Amino acid sequence: MNALHPGPHTYPARGYRRLAMHRRYTIHRDGDLLVEDLDAQGNPIEPETVAPEDRLPVEVVVRAAETDDAKHQLLDLLELALDMESEGPPLR
């Protein structure tokens, strides 16, 4: 647990501030990127008019501060995740 991801029944750590970026990224079957800003409960504020069955079964939900540093850290995180997933399963 940390300040960005407090436990289910804990109060945020001191210095915790409300996250400004809370978005969901999904991909439409035709290849378009769908971006939805989410409210505190994770519901789209202005939902895309795309049915769930027309979306690929992959999504990324982002919660971060809306700062340049946070955006750079997000890109680093996504790059690391891509590298890890691209390597394939470990050899036995």
N, C-alpha and C. Protein backbone atom coordinates (compact mmCIF):
# COMPACT_ATOMS: atom_id res chain seq x y z
N MET A 1 0.84 -1.19 0.00
CA MET A 1 0.00 0.00 0.00
C MET A 1 0.87 1.24 0.00
N ASN A 2 0.39 2.28 -0.63
CA ASN A 2 1.09 3.56 -0.61
C ASN A 2 0.08 4.68 -0.70
N ALA A 3 0.56 5.89 -0.78
CA ALA A 3 -0.35 7.04 -0.78
C ALA A 3 -1.28 7.05 -1.97
N LEU A 4 -0.84 6.51 -3.11
CA LEU A 4 -1.70 6.52 -4.28
C LEU A 4 -2.71 5.39 -4.26
N HIS A 5 -2.41 4.32 -3.53
CA HIS A 5 -3.30 3.17 -3.48
C HIS A 5 -3.51 2.74 -2.04
N PRO A 6 -4.23 3.53 -1.26
CA PRO A 6 -4.47 3.15 0.13
C PRO A 6 -5.31 1.89 0.19
N GLY A 7 -5.18 1.16 1.29
CA GLY A 7 -5.93 -0.08 1.47
C GLY A 7 -7.42 0.18 1.47
N PRO A 8 -8.22 -0.90 1.40
CA PRO A 8 -9.67 -0.74 1.26
C PRO A 8 -10.35 -0.01 2.41
N HIS A 9 -9.83 -0.12 3.62
CA HIS A 9 -10.49 0.52 4.76
C HIS A 9 -9.52 1.41 5.51
N THR A 10 -8.64 2.07 4.77
CA THR A 10 -7.69 2.96 5.42
C THR A 10 -7.89 4.37 4.88
N TYR A 11 -7.38 5.31 5.63
CA TYR A 11 -7.41 6.69 5.17
C TYR A 11 -6.15 6.94 4.37
N PRO A 12 -6.19 7.80 3.38
CA PRO A 12 -4.98 8.10 2.61
C PRO A 12 -3.87 8.62 3.51
N ALA A 13 -2.65 8.34 3.12
CA ALA A 13 -1.49 8.78 3.88
C ALA A 13 -1.42 10.30 3.90
N ARG A 14 -0.72 10.83 4.90
CA ARG A 14 -0.53 12.27 4.98
C ARG A 14 0.15 12.76 3.71
N GLY A 15 -0.24 13.87 3.20
CA GLY A 15 0.33 14.41 1.98
C GLY A 15 -0.39 13.91 0.73
N TYR A 16 -1.30 12.98 0.90
CA TYR A 16 -2.07 12.46 -0.24
C TYR A 16 -2.96 13.56 -0.77
N ARG A 17 -2.98 13.71 -2.08
CA ARG A 17 -3.88 14.70 -2.66
C ARG A 17 -4.79 14.02 -3.66
N ARG A 18 -5.90 14.61 -3.89
CA ARG A 18 -6.88 14.05 -4.81
C ARG A 18 -6.25 13.90 -6.19
N LEU A 19 -6.50 12.78 -6.81
CA LEU A 19 -5.94 12.52 -8.12
C LEU A 19 -6.77 13.22 -9.18
N ALA A 20 -6.10 13.93 -10.07
CA ALA A 20 -6.81 14.68 -11.08
C ALA A 20 -7.06 13.84 -12.34
N MET A 21 -6.16 12.88 -12.62
CA MET A 21 -6.29 12.07 -13.82
C MET A 21 -6.87 10.71 -13.42
N HIS A 22 -8.04 10.41 -13.91
CA HIS A 22 -8.67 9.11 -13.68
C HIS A 22 -9.35 8.77 -15.00
N ARG A 23 -8.66 7.99 -15.82
CA ARG A 23 -9.14 7.71 -17.17
C ARG A 23 -9.11 6.23 -17.47
N ARG A 24 -9.97 5.85 -18.41
CA ARG A 24 -9.98 4.47 -18.92
C ARG A 24 -9.68 4.53 -20.42
N TYR A 25 -8.74 3.71 -20.84
CA TYR A 25 -8.39 3.59 -22.26
C TYR A 25 -8.80 2.21 -22.73
N THR A 26 -9.57 2.13 -23.79
CA THR A 26 -9.93 0.87 -24.41
C THR A 26 -9.78 1.02 -25.92
N ILE A 27 -9.89 -0.09 -26.62
CA ILE A 27 -9.72 -0.06 -28.07
C ILE A 27 -10.98 -0.59 -28.74
N HIS A 28 -11.49 0.19 -29.69
CA HIS A 28 -12.64 -0.23 -30.48
C HIS A 28 -12.17 -1.31 -31.45
N ARG A 29 -13.05 -2.22 -31.82
CA ARG A 29 -12.68 -3.30 -32.74
C ARG A 29 -12.13 -2.80 -34.07
N ASP A 30 -12.48 -1.55 -34.46
CA ASP A 30 -11.92 -1.02 -35.71
C ASP A 30 -10.55 -0.38 -35.52
N GLY A 31 -10.03 -0.42 -34.27
CA GLY A 31 -8.68 0.08 -34.00
C GLY A 31 -8.62 1.45 -33.37
N ASP A 32 -9.75 2.14 -33.24
CA ASP A 32 -9.75 3.47 -32.62
C ASP A 32 -9.51 3.36 -31.12
N LEU A 33 -8.76 4.30 -30.59
CA LEU A 33 -8.54 4.39 -29.16
C LEU A 33 -9.71 5.14 -28.53
N LEU A 34 -10.29 4.58 -27.49
CA LEU A 34 -11.39 5.22 -26.77
C LEU A 34 -10.87 5.69 -25.42
N VAL A 35 -11.09 6.95 -25.09
CA VAL A 35 -10.62 7.53 -23.83
C VAL A 35 -11.82 8.11 -23.09
N GLU A 36 -11.98 7.68 -21.83
CA GLU A 36 -13.09 8.18 -21.02
C GLU A 36 -12.56 8.67 -19.69
N ASP A 37 -12.90 9.89 -19.30
CA ASP A 37 -12.61 10.38 -17.96
C ASP A 37 -13.60 9.73 -17.01
N LEU A 38 -13.10 9.30 -15.85
CA LEU A 38 -13.93 8.59 -14.87
C LEU A 38 -14.13 9.42 -13.62
N ASP A 39 -15.28 9.19 -12.97
CA ASP A 39 -15.53 9.87 -11.70
C ASP A 39 -14.86 9.06 -10.58
N ALA A 40 -15.05 9.49 -9.34
CA ALA A 40 -14.40 8.84 -8.20
C ALA A 40 -14.79 7.37 -8.05
N GLN A 41 -15.97 6.99 -8.52
CA GLN A 41 -16.42 5.60 -8.43
C GLN A 41 -15.99 4.76 -9.64
N GLY A 42 -15.32 5.38 -10.60
CA GLY A 42 -14.87 4.65 -11.78
C GLY A 42 -15.87 4.60 -12.91
N ASN A 43 -16.90 5.41 -12.83
CA ASN A 43 -17.91 5.47 -13.89
C ASN A 43 -17.55 6.57 -14.89
N PRO A 44 -17.77 6.33 -16.19
CA PRO A 44 -17.46 7.37 -17.18
C PRO A 44 -18.28 8.62 -16.96
N ILE A 45 -17.63 9.78 -17.03
CA ILE A 45 -18.33 11.05 -16.88
C ILE A 45 -19.13 11.34 -18.15
N GLU A 46 -18.50 11.17 -19.29
CA GLU A 46 -19.18 11.29 -20.59
C GLU A 46 -18.86 10.01 -21.37
N PRO A 47 -19.67 8.97 -21.19
CA PRO A 47 -19.36 7.67 -21.79
C PRO A 47 -19.29 7.72 -23.32
N GLU A 48 -18.35 6.93 -23.85
CA GLU A 48 -18.27 6.75 -25.30
C GLU A 48 -19.53 6.01 -25.74
N THR A 49 -20.01 6.30 -26.93
CA THR A 49 -21.23 5.65 -27.43
C THR A 49 -20.87 4.37 -28.18
N VAL A 50 -20.05 3.55 -27.54
CA VAL A 50 -19.60 2.28 -28.12
C VAL A 50 -20.04 1.16 -27.19
N ALA A 51 -20.76 0.21 -27.72
CA ALA A 51 -21.22 -0.92 -26.92
C ALA A 51 -20.04 -1.76 -26.43
N PRO A 52 -20.14 -2.34 -25.23
CA PRO A 52 -19.04 -3.17 -24.71
C PRO A 52 -18.59 -4.27 -25.67
N GLU A 53 -19.54 -4.85 -26.41
CA GLU A 53 -19.17 -5.93 -27.33
C GLU A 53 -18.37 -5.43 -28.53
N ASP A 54 -18.35 -4.11 -28.76
CA ASP A 54 -17.57 -3.54 -29.85
C ASP A 54 -16.18 -3.08 -29.40
N ARG A 55 -15.85 -3.35 -28.13
CA ARG A 55 -14.54 -3.00 -27.60
C ARG A 55 -13.71 -4.27 -27.45
N LEU A 56 -12.40 -4.15 -27.66
CA LEU A 56 -11.54 -5.29 -27.41
C LEU A 56 -11.52 -5.55 -25.91
N PRO A 57 -11.30 -6.80 -25.49
CA PRO A 57 -11.38 -7.13 -24.06
C PRO A 57 -10.12 -6.74 -23.28
N VAL A 58 -9.59 -5.54 -23.55
CA VAL A 58 -8.42 -5.04 -22.85
C VAL A 58 -8.69 -3.59 -22.50
N GLU A 59 -8.34 -3.20 -21.28
CA GLU A 59 -8.48 -1.80 -20.90
C GLU A 59 -7.38 -1.45 -19.92
N VAL A 60 -7.05 -0.17 -19.90
CA VAL A 60 -6.09 0.37 -18.94
C VAL A 60 -6.80 1.50 -18.22
N VAL A 61 -6.79 1.44 -16.88
CA VAL A 61 -7.36 2.51 -16.08
C VAL A 61 -6.21 3.22 -15.38
N VAL A 62 -6.17 4.53 -15.52
CA VAL A 62 -5.07 5.34 -15.00
C VAL A 62 -5.57 6.26 -13.91
N ARG A 63 -4.86 6.26 -12.78
CA ARG A 63 -5.13 7.20 -11.70
C ARG A 63 -3.80 7.85 -11.37
N ALA A 64 -3.70 9.12 -11.60
CA ALA A 64 -2.45 9.84 -11.35
C ALA A 64 -2.72 11.33 -11.23
N ALA A 65 -1.74 12.01 -10.71
CA ALA A 65 -1.83 13.47 -10.68
C ALA A 65 -1.72 13.98 -12.11
N GLU A 66 -2.32 15.09 -12.38
CA GLU A 66 -2.29 15.68 -13.73
C GLU A 66 -1.11 16.65 -13.80
N THR A 67 0.10 16.07 -13.74
CA THR A 67 1.32 16.87 -13.82
C THR A 67 2.23 16.29 -14.89
N ASP A 68 3.20 17.08 -15.32
CA ASP A 68 4.15 16.58 -16.32
C ASP A 68 4.95 15.40 -15.76
N ASP A 69 5.38 15.49 -14.48
CA ASP A 69 6.14 14.38 -13.88
C ASP A 69 5.32 13.10 -13.87
N ALA A 70 4.05 13.20 -13.49
CA ALA A 70 3.18 12.02 -13.45
C ALA A 70 2.99 11.43 -14.84
N LYS A 71 2.88 12.29 -15.85
CA LYS A 71 2.72 11.80 -17.22
C LYS A 71 3.97 11.07 -17.69
N HIS A 72 5.16 11.59 -17.33
CA HIS A 72 6.41 10.90 -17.69
C HIS A 72 6.52 9.57 -16.96
N GLN A 73 6.12 9.54 -15.69
CA GLN A 73 6.14 8.29 -14.93
C GLN A 73 5.16 7.28 -15.51
N LEU A 74 4.01 7.76 -15.97
CA LEU A 74 3.03 6.89 -16.59
C LEU A 74 3.60 6.26 -17.87
N LEU A 75 4.26 7.08 -18.68
CA LEU A 75 4.87 6.55 -19.91
C LEU A 75 5.94 5.52 -19.58
N ASP A 76 6.75 5.77 -18.54
CA ASP A 76 7.76 4.80 -18.11
C ASP A 76 7.10 3.48 -17.68
N LEU A 77 6.01 3.60 -16.91
CA LEU A 77 5.30 2.41 -16.44
C LEU A 77 4.75 1.60 -17.61
N LEU A 78 4.11 2.27 -18.55
CA LEU A 78 3.54 1.57 -19.70
C LEU A 78 4.64 0.93 -20.56
N GLU A 79 5.77 1.60 -20.69
CA GLU A 79 6.88 1.04 -21.45
C GLU A 79 7.43 -0.21 -20.76
N LEU A 80 7.57 -0.16 -19.44
CA LEU A 80 8.04 -1.33 -18.70
C LEU A 80 7.06 -2.49 -18.82
N ALA A 81 5.77 -2.19 -18.73
CA ALA A 81 4.75 -3.23 -18.86
C ALA A 81 4.80 -3.85 -20.26
N LEU A 82 4.94 -3.02 -21.28
CA LEU A 82 5.04 -3.52 -22.65
C LEU A 82 6.26 -4.42 -22.81
N ASP A 83 7.40 -3.97 -22.29
CA ASP A 83 8.61 -4.78 -22.36
C ASP A 83 8.40 -6.13 -21.68
N MET A 84 7.80 -6.11 -20.50
CA MET A 84 7.58 -7.34 -19.75
C MET A 84 6.64 -8.28 -20.51
N GLU A 85 5.55 -7.74 -21.06
CA GLU A 85 4.58 -8.58 -21.76
C GLU A 85 5.12 -9.06 -23.11
N SER A 86 6.02 -8.30 -23.72
CA SER A 86 6.58 -8.67 -25.02
C SER A 86 7.60 -9.79 -24.92
N GLU A 87 8.20 -9.95 -23.75
CA GLU A 87 9.23 -10.98 -23.57
C GLU A 87 8.67 -12.39 -23.64
N GLY A 88 7.42 -12.57 -23.32
CA GLY A 88 6.82 -13.90 -23.32
C GLY A 88 7.04 -14.57 -21.97
N PRO A 89 6.55 -15.82 -21.85
CA PRO A 89 6.67 -16.52 -20.57
C PRO A 89 8.12 -16.89 -20.28
N PRO A 90 8.49 -16.98 -19.00
CA PRO A 90 9.85 -17.34 -18.65
C PRO A 90 10.17 -18.78 -19.07
N LEU A 91 11.41 -19.01 -19.47
CA LEU A 91 11.84 -20.36 -19.84
C LEU A 91 12.02 -21.20 -18.62
N ARG A 92 11.66 -22.47 -18.72
CA ARG A 92 11.81 -23.37 -17.56
C ARG A 92 12.95 -24.30 -17.76
